[in-house]
Amino acid sequence: MEKDWKEVYMTAHEYKAEMAKEILENEGIRVVVIDQQDTVYKVFGEYRVYVAEADELRAVELLKNLKQ
């Protein structure tokens, strides 16, 4: 991942990370989703959504109603 990217959302649910990604991409924001789920026990870990630092405030505002 490139430097100067900021985490704007974290969830334990893959579908919510995908929803966040879709919301941001629909607004023209480049998104990276990092899957940090345990490979054996899928109940441990989370999904983290990152955007470029320049898009951080806008992304946080767009995702404010998406519950973690």
PDB file of N, CA and C in Angstrom:
ATOM      1  N   MET A   1       0.850  -1.173   0.000  1.00  0.00           N
ATOM      2  CA  MET A   1       0.000   0.000   0.000  1.00  0.00           C
ATOM      3  C   MET A   1       0.899   1.240   0.000  1.00  0.00           C
ATOM      4  N   GLU A   2       0.450   2.250  -0.674  1.00  0.00           N
ATOM      5  CA  GLU A   2       1.201   3.496  -0.757  1.00  0.00           C
ATOM      6  C   GLU A   2       1.242   4.201   0.590  1.00  0.00           C
ATOM      7  N   LYS A   3       2.250   5.055   0.775  1.00  0.00           N
ATOM      8  CA  LYS A   3       2.312   5.807   2.023  1.00  0.00           C
ATOM      9  C   LYS A   3       1.242   6.898   2.029  1.00  0.00           C
ATOM     10  N   ASP A   4       1.010   7.466   3.176  1.00  0.00           N
ATOM     11  CA  ASP A   4       0.032   8.544   3.366  1.00  0.00           C
ATOM     12  C   ASP A   4      -1.409   8.090   3.169  1.00  0.00           C
ATOM     13  N   TRP A   5      -1.693   6.833   3.449  1.00  0.00           N
ATOM     14  CA  TRP A   5      -3.063   6.341   3.436  1.00  0.00           C
ATOM     15  C   TRP A   5      -3.550   6.297   4.877  1.00  0.00           C
ATOM     16  N   LYS A   6      -4.823   6.573   5.081  1.00  0.00           N
ATOM     17  CA  LYS A   6      -5.402   6.643   6.418  1.00  0.00           C
ATOM     18  C   LYS A   6      -6.553   5.661   6.562  1.00  0.00           C
ATOM     19  N   GLU A   7      -6.630   5.037   7.716  1.00  0.00           N
ATOM     20  CA  GLU A   7      -7.738   4.138   8.012  1.00  0.00           C
ATOM     21  C   GLU A   7      -8.980   4.979   8.314  1.00  0.00           C
ATOM     22  N   VAL A   8     -10.080   4.684   7.618  1.00  0.00           N
ATOM     23  CA  VAL A   8     -11.310   5.441   7.833  1.00  0.00           C
ATOM     24  C   VAL A   8     -12.456   4.572   8.349  1.00  0.00           C
ATOM     25  N   TYR A   9     -12.248   3.265   8.366  1.00  0.00           N
ATOM     26  CA  TYR A   9     -13.318   2.372   8.805  1.00  0.00           C
ATOM     27  C   TYR A   9     -12.727   1.022   9.188  1.00  0.00           C
ATOM     28  N   MET A  10     -13.306   0.403  10.225  1.00  0.00           N
ATOM     29  CA  MET A  10     -12.878  -0.923  10.651  1.00  0.00           C
ATOM     30  C   MET A  10     -14.116  -1.700  11.074  1.00  0.00           C
ATOM     31  N   THR A  11     -14.171  -2.971  10.691  1.00  0.00           N
ATOM     32  CA  THR A  11     -15.308  -3.813  11.034  1.00  0.00           C
ATOM     33  C   THR A  11     -14.875  -5.272  11.089  1.00  0.00           C
ATOM     34  N   ALA A  12     -15.627  -6.060  11.795  1.00  0.00           N
ATOM     35  CA  ALA A  12     -15.371  -7.501  11.847  1.00  0.00           C
ATOM     36  C   ALA A  12     -16.117  -8.236  10.741  1.00  0.00           C
ATOM     37  N   HIS A  13     -16.919  -7.509   9.957  1.00  0.00           N
ATOM     38  CA  HIS A  13     -17.777  -8.128   8.953  1.00  0.00           C
ATOM     39  C   HIS A  13     -17.344  -7.757   7.538  1.00  0.00           C
ATOM     40  N   GLU A  14     -17.087  -8.762   6.737  1.00  0.00           N
ATOM     41  CA  GLU A  14     -16.646  -8.530   5.357  1.00  0.00           C
ATOM     42  C   GLU A  14     -17.679  -7.736   4.559  1.00  0.00           C
ATOM     43  N   TYR A  15     -18.957  -8.044   4.723  1.00  0.00           N
ATOM     44  CA  TYR A  15     -19.983  -7.351   3.934  1.00  0.00           C
ATOM     45  C   TYR A  15     -20.023  -5.857   4.246  1.00  0.00           C
ATOM     46  N   LYS A  16     -19.735  -5.467   5.496  1.00  0.00           N
ATOM     47  CA  LYS A  16     -19.725  -4.040   5.842  1.00  0.00           C
ATOM     48  C   LYS A  16     -18.502  -3.348   5.236  1.00  0.00           C
ATOM     49  N   ALA A  17     -17.382  -4.039   5.199  1.00  0.00           N
ATOM     50  CA  ALA A  17     -16.200  -3.473   4.550  1.00  0.00           C
ATOM     51  C   ALA A  17     -16.460  -3.273   3.061  1.00  0.00           C
ATOM     52  N   GLU A  18     -17.150  -4.220   2.444  1.00  0.00           N
ATOM     53  CA  GLU A  18     -17.491  -4.091   1.027  1.00  0.00           C
ATOM     54  C   GLU A  18     -18.490  -2.960   0.799  1.00  0.00           C
ATOM     55  N   MET A  19     -19.420  -2.785   1.724  1.00  0.00           N
ATOM     56  CA  MET A  19     -20.364  -1.668   1.619  1.00  0.00           C
ATOM     57  C   MET A  19     -19.613  -0.340   1.695  1.00  0.00           C
ATOM     58  N   ALA A  20     -18.692  -0.232   2.643  1.00  0.00           N
ATOM     59  CA  ALA A  20     -17.900   0.993   2.779  1.00  0.00           C
ATOM     60  C   ALA A  20     -17.103   1.252   1.506  1.00  0.00           C
ATOM     61  N   LYS A  21     -16.498   0.211   0.972  1.00  0.00           N
ATOM     62  CA  LYS A  21     -15.715   0.337  -0.263  1.00  0.00           C
ATOM     63  C   LYS A  21     -16.590   0.844  -1.403  1.00  0.00           C
ATOM     64  N   GLU A  22     -17.768   0.283  -1.548  1.00  0.00           N
ATOM     65  CA  GLU A  22     -18.662   0.678  -2.626  1.00  0.00           C
ATOM     66  C   GLU A  22     -19.116   2.138  -2.482  1.00  0.00           C
ATOM     67  N   ILE A  23     -19.460   2.529  -1.260  1.00  0.00           N
ATOM     68  CA  ILE A  23     -19.871   3.919  -1.010  1.00  0.00           C
ATOM     69  C   ILE A  23     -18.767   4.879  -1.444  1.00  0.00           C
ATOM     70  N   LEU A  24     -17.550   4.592  -1.042  1.00  0.00           N
ATOM     71  CA  LEU A  24     -16.433   5.478  -1.353  1.00  0.00           C
ATOM     72  C   LEU A  24     -16.090   5.467  -2.840  1.00  0.00           C
ATOM     73  N   GLU A  25     -16.061   4.303  -3.441  1.00  0.00           N
ATOM     74  CA  GLU A  25     -15.749   4.222  -4.871  1.00  0.00           C
ATOM     75  C   GLU A  25     -16.799   4.929  -5.716  1.00  0.00           C
ATOM     76  N   ASN A  26     -18.056   4.864  -5.297  1.00  0.00           N
ATOM     77  CA  ASN A  26     -19.109   5.568  -6.025  1.00  0.00           C
ATOM     78  C   ASN A  26     -18.931   7.085  -5.989  1.00  0.00           C
ATOM     79  N   GLU A  27     -18.154   7.563  -5.025  1.00  0.00           N
ATOM     80  CA  GLU A  27     -17.848   8.989  -4.914  1.00  0.00           C
ATOM     81  C   GLU A  27     -16.483   9.327  -5.520  1.00  0.00           C
ATOM     82  N   GLY A  28     -15.884   8.356  -6.192  1.00  0.00           N
ATOM     83  CA  GLY A  28     -14.621   8.585  -6.875  1.00  0.00           C
ATOM     84  C   GLY A  28     -13.395   8.516  -5.985  1.00  0.00           C
ATOM     85  N   ILE A  29     -13.524   7.920  -4.813  1.00  0.00           N
ATOM     86  CA  ILE A  29     -12.416   7.815  -3.878  1.00  0.00           C
ATOM     87  C   ILE A  29     -11.762   6.438  -4.029  1.00  0.00           C
ATOM     88  N   ARG A  30     -10.444   6.420  -4.187  1.00  0.00           N
ATOM     89  CA  ARG A  30      -9.708   5.154  -4.252  1.00  0.00           C
ATOM     90  C   ARG A  30      -9.673   4.530  -2.872  1.00  0.00           C
ATOM     91  N   VAL A  31      -9.900   3.218  -2.814  1.00  0.00           N
ATOM     92  CA  VAL A  31     -10.050   2.511  -1.544  1.00  0.00           C
ATOM     93  C   VAL A  31      -9.182   1.255  -1.537  1.00  0.00           C
ATOM     94  N   VAL A  32      -8.630   0.956  -0.363  1.00  0.00           N
ATOM     95  CA  VAL A  32      -7.934  -0.317  -0.137  1.00  0.00           C
ATOM     96  C   VAL A  32      -8.564  -0.955   1.091  1.00  0.00           C
ATOM     97  N   VAL A  33      -8.969  -2.221   0.968  1.00  0.00           N
ATOM     98  CA  VAL A  33      -9.505  -2.967   2.100  1.00  0.00           C
ATOM     99  C   VAL A  33      -8.484  -4.035   2.478  1.00  0.00           C
ATOM    100  N   ILE A  34      -8.084  -4.021   3.740  1.00  0.00           N
ATOM    101  CA  ILE A  34      -7.122  -4.995   4.242  1.00  0.00           C
ATOM    102  C   ILE A  34      -7.876  -6.011   5.102  1.00  0.00           C
ATOM    103  N   ASP A  35      -7.759  -7.276   4.729  1.00  0.00           N
ATOM    104  CA  ASP A  35      -8.393  -8.372   5.461  1.00  0.00           C
ATOM    105  C   ASP A  35      -7.410  -8.877   6.503  1.00  0.00           C
ATOM    106  N   GLN A  36      -7.712  -8.643   7.777  1.00  0.00           N
ATOM    107  CA  GLN A  36      -6.848  -9.111   8.853  1.00  0.00           C
ATOM    108  C   GLN A  36      -7.532 -10.203   9.664  1.00  0.00           C
ATOM    109  N   GLN A  37      -8.451 -10.908   9.023  1.00  0.00           N
ATOM    110  CA  GLN A  37      -9.117 -12.038   9.669  1.00  0.00           C
ATOM    111  C   GLN A  37      -8.124 -13.174   9.844  1.00  0.00           C
ATOM    112  N   ASP A  38      -8.233 -13.869  10.955  1.00  0.00           N
ATOM    113  CA  ASP A  38      -7.428 -15.065  11.189  1.00  0.00           C
ATOM    114  C   ASP A  38      -7.800 -16.093  10.130  1.00  0.00           C
ATOM    115  N   THR A  39      -6.830 -16.758   9.565  1.00  0.00           N
ATOM    116  CA  THR A  39      -7.114 -17.710   8.487  1.00  0.00           C
ATOM    117  C   THR A  39      -7.774 -18.991   8.968  1.00  0.00           C
ATOM    118  N   VAL A  40      -7.612 -19.326  10.242  1.00  0.00           N
ATOM    119  CA  VAL A  40      -8.215 -20.545  10.785  1.00  0.00           C
ATOM    120  C   VAL A  40      -9.534 -20.237  11.488  1.00  0.00           C
ATOM    121  N   TYR A  41      -9.513 -19.247  12.356  1.00  0.00           N
ATOM    122  CA  TYR A  41     -10.700 -18.888  13.131  1.00  0.00           C
ATOM    123  C   TYR A  41     -11.221 -17.552  12.639  1.00  0.00           C
ATOM    124  N   LYS A  42     -12.194 -17.567  11.760  1.00  0.00           N
ATOM    125  CA  LYS A  42     -12.697 -16.349  11.128  1.00  0.00           C
ATOM    126  C   LYS A  42     -13.396 -15.391  12.086  1.00  0.00           C
ATOM    127  N   VAL A  43     -13.548 -15.778  13.344  1.00  0.00           N
ATOM    128  CA  VAL A  43     -14.201 -14.871  14.300  1.00  0.00           C
ATOM    129  C   VAL A  43     -13.199 -13.882  14.899  1.00  0.00           C
ATOM    130  N   PHE A  44     -11.916 -14.042  14.612  1.00  0.00           N
ATOM    131  CA  PHE A  44     -10.890 -13.147  15.131  1.00  0.00           C
ATOM    132  C   PHE A  44     -10.344 -12.270  14.011  1.00  0.00           C
ATOM    133  N   GLY A  45     -10.162 -11.006  14.313  1.00  0.00           N
ATOM    134  CA  GLY A  45      -9.602 -10.089  13.327  1.00  0.00           C
ATOM    135  C   GLY A  45     -10.657  -9.176  12.754  1.00  0.00           C
ATOM    136  N   GLU A  46     -10.221  -8.338  11.838  1.00  0.00           N
ATOM    137  CA  GLU A  46     -11.143  -7.367  11.272  1.00  0.00           C
ATOM    138  C   GLU A  46     -10.734  -6.993   9.851  1.00  0.00           C
ATOM    139  N   TYR A  47     -11.596  -6.212   9.246  1.00  0.00           N
ATOM    140  CA  TYR A  47     -11.361  -5.641   7.929  1.00  0.00           C
ATOM    141  C   TYR A  47     -11.142  -4.146   8.134  1.00  0.00           C
ATOM    142  N   ARG A  48     -10.102  -3.609   7.506  1.00  0.00           N
ATOM    143  CA  ARG A  48      -9.778  -2.197   7.650  1.00  0.00           C
ATOM    144  C   ARG A  48      -9.844  -1.534   6.274  1.00  0.00           C
ATOM    145  N   VAL A  49     -10.486  -0.370   6.223  1.00  0.00           N
ATOM    146  CA  VAL A  49     -10.664   0.365   4.978  1.00  0.00           C
ATOM    147  C   VAL A  49      -9.764   1.603   5.021  1.00  0.00           C
ATOM    148  N   TYR A  50      -8.957   1.766   3.984  1.00  0.00           N
ATOM    149  CA  TYR A  50      -8.015   2.881   3.894  1.00  0.00           C
ATOM    150  C   TYR A  50      -8.284   3.714   2.652  1.00  0.00           C
ATOM    151  N   VAL A  51      -8.030   5.015   2.783  1.00  0.00           N
ATOM    152  CA  VAL A  51      -8.097   5.937   1.649  1.00  0.00           C
ATOM    153  C   VAL A  51      -6.869   6.839   1.702  1.00  0.00           C
ATOM    154  N   ALA A  52      -6.618   7.530   0.608  1.00  0.00           N
ATOM    155  CA  ALA A  52      -5.506   8.487   0.581  1.00  0.00           C
ATOM    156  C   ALA A  52      -5.774   9.588   1.604  1.00  0.00           C
ATOM    157  N   GLU A  53      -4.702  10.104   2.177  1.00  0.00           N
ATOM    158  CA  GLU A  53      -4.814  11.132   3.211  1.00  0.00           C
ATOM    159  C   GLU A  53      -5.657  12.320   2.751  1.00  0.00           C
ATOM    160  N   ALA A  54      -5.545  12.684   1.487  1.00  0.00           N
ATOM    161  CA  ALA A  54      -6.297  13.819   0.954  1.00  0.00           C
ATOM    162  C   ALA A  54      -7.806  13.578   0.963  1.00  0.00           C
ATOM    163  N   ASP A  55      -8.236  12.321   0.957  1.00  0.00           N
ATOM    164  CA  ASP A  55      -9.665  11.976   0.934  1.00  0.00           C
ATOM    165  C   ASP A  55     -10.203  11.591   2.306  1.00  0.00           C
ATOM    166  N   GLU A  56      -9.372  11.643   3.326  1.00  0.00           N
ATOM    167  CA  GLU A  56      -9.751  11.128   4.646  1.00  0.00           C
ATOM    168  C   GLU A  56     -11.007  11.792   5.214  1.00  0.00           C
ATOM    169  N   LEU A  57     -11.056  13.094   5.276  1.00  0.00           N
ATOM    170  CA  LEU A  57     -12.201  13.782   5.889  1.00  0.00           C
ATOM    171  C   LEU A  57     -13.491  13.513   5.125  1.00  0.00           C
ATOM    172  N   ARG A  58     -13.411  13.558   3.815  1.00  0.00           N
ATOM    173  CA  ARG A  58     -14.603  13.284   2.983  1.00  0.00           C
ATOM    174  C   ARG A  58     -15.083  11.847   3.187  1.00  0.00           C
ATOM    175  N   ALA A  59     -14.145  10.901   3.246  1.00  0.00           N
ATOM    176  CA  ALA A  59     -14.495   9.494   3.433  1.00  0.00           C
ATOM    177  C   ALA A  59     -15.149   9.266   4.783  1.00  0.00           C
ATOM    178  N   VAL A  60     -14.602   9.857   5.827  1.00  0.00           N
ATOM    179  CA  VAL A  60     -15.181   9.713   7.166  1.00  0.00           C
ATOM    180  C   VAL A  60     -16.608  10.258   7.169  1.00  0.00           C
ATOM    181  N   GLU A  61     -16.824  11.378   6.531  1.00  0.00           N
ATOM    182  CA  GLU A  61     -18.165  11.970   6.465  1.00  0.00           C
ATOM    183  C   GLU A  61     -19.131  11.043   5.707  1.00  0.00           C
ATOM    184  N   LEU A  62     -18.681  10.459   4.610  1.00  0.00           N
ATOM    185  CA  LEU A  62     -19.529   9.562   3.823  1.00  0.00           C
ATOM    186  C   LEU A  62     -19.886   8.288   4.588  1.00  0.00           C
ATOM    187  N   LEU A  63     -18.992   7.838   5.468  1.00  0.00           N
ATOM    188  CA  LEU A  63     -19.198   6.574   6.176  1.00  0.00           C
ATOM    189  C   LEU A  63     -19.773   6.753   7.579  1.00  0.00           C
ATOM    190  N   LYS A  64     -20.071   7.962   7.983  1.00  0.00           N
ATOM    191  CA  LYS A  64     -20.474   8.199   9.368  1.00  0.00           C
ATOM    192  C   LYS A  64     -21.757   7.461   9.764  1.00  0.00           C
ATOM    193  N   ASN A  65     -22.614   7.154   8.824  1.00  0.00           N
ATOM    194  CA  ASN A  65     -23.860   6.453   9.144  1.00  0.00           C
ATOM    195  C   ASN A  65     -23.743   4.935   9.015  1.00  0.00           C
ATOM    196  N   LEU A  66     -22.603   4.462   8.583  1.00  0.00           N
ATOM    197  CA  LEU A  66     -22.384   3.010   8.445  1.00  0.00           C
ATOM    198  C   LEU A  66     -21.833   2.497   9.767  1.00  0.00           C
ATOM    199  N   LYS A  67     -22.642   1.778  10.494  1.00  0.00           N
ATOM    200  CA  LYS A  67     -22.249   1.282  11.823  1.00  0.00           C
ATOM    201  C   LYS A  67     -21.173   0.214  11.697  1.00  0.00           C
ATOM    202  N   GLN A  68     -20.265   0.208  12.666  1.00  0.00           N
ATOM    203  CA  GLN A  68     -19.189  -0.766  12.662  1.00  0.00           C
ATOM    204  C   GLN A  68     -19.693  -2.058  13.201  1.00  0.00           C
TER     205      GLN A  68
END
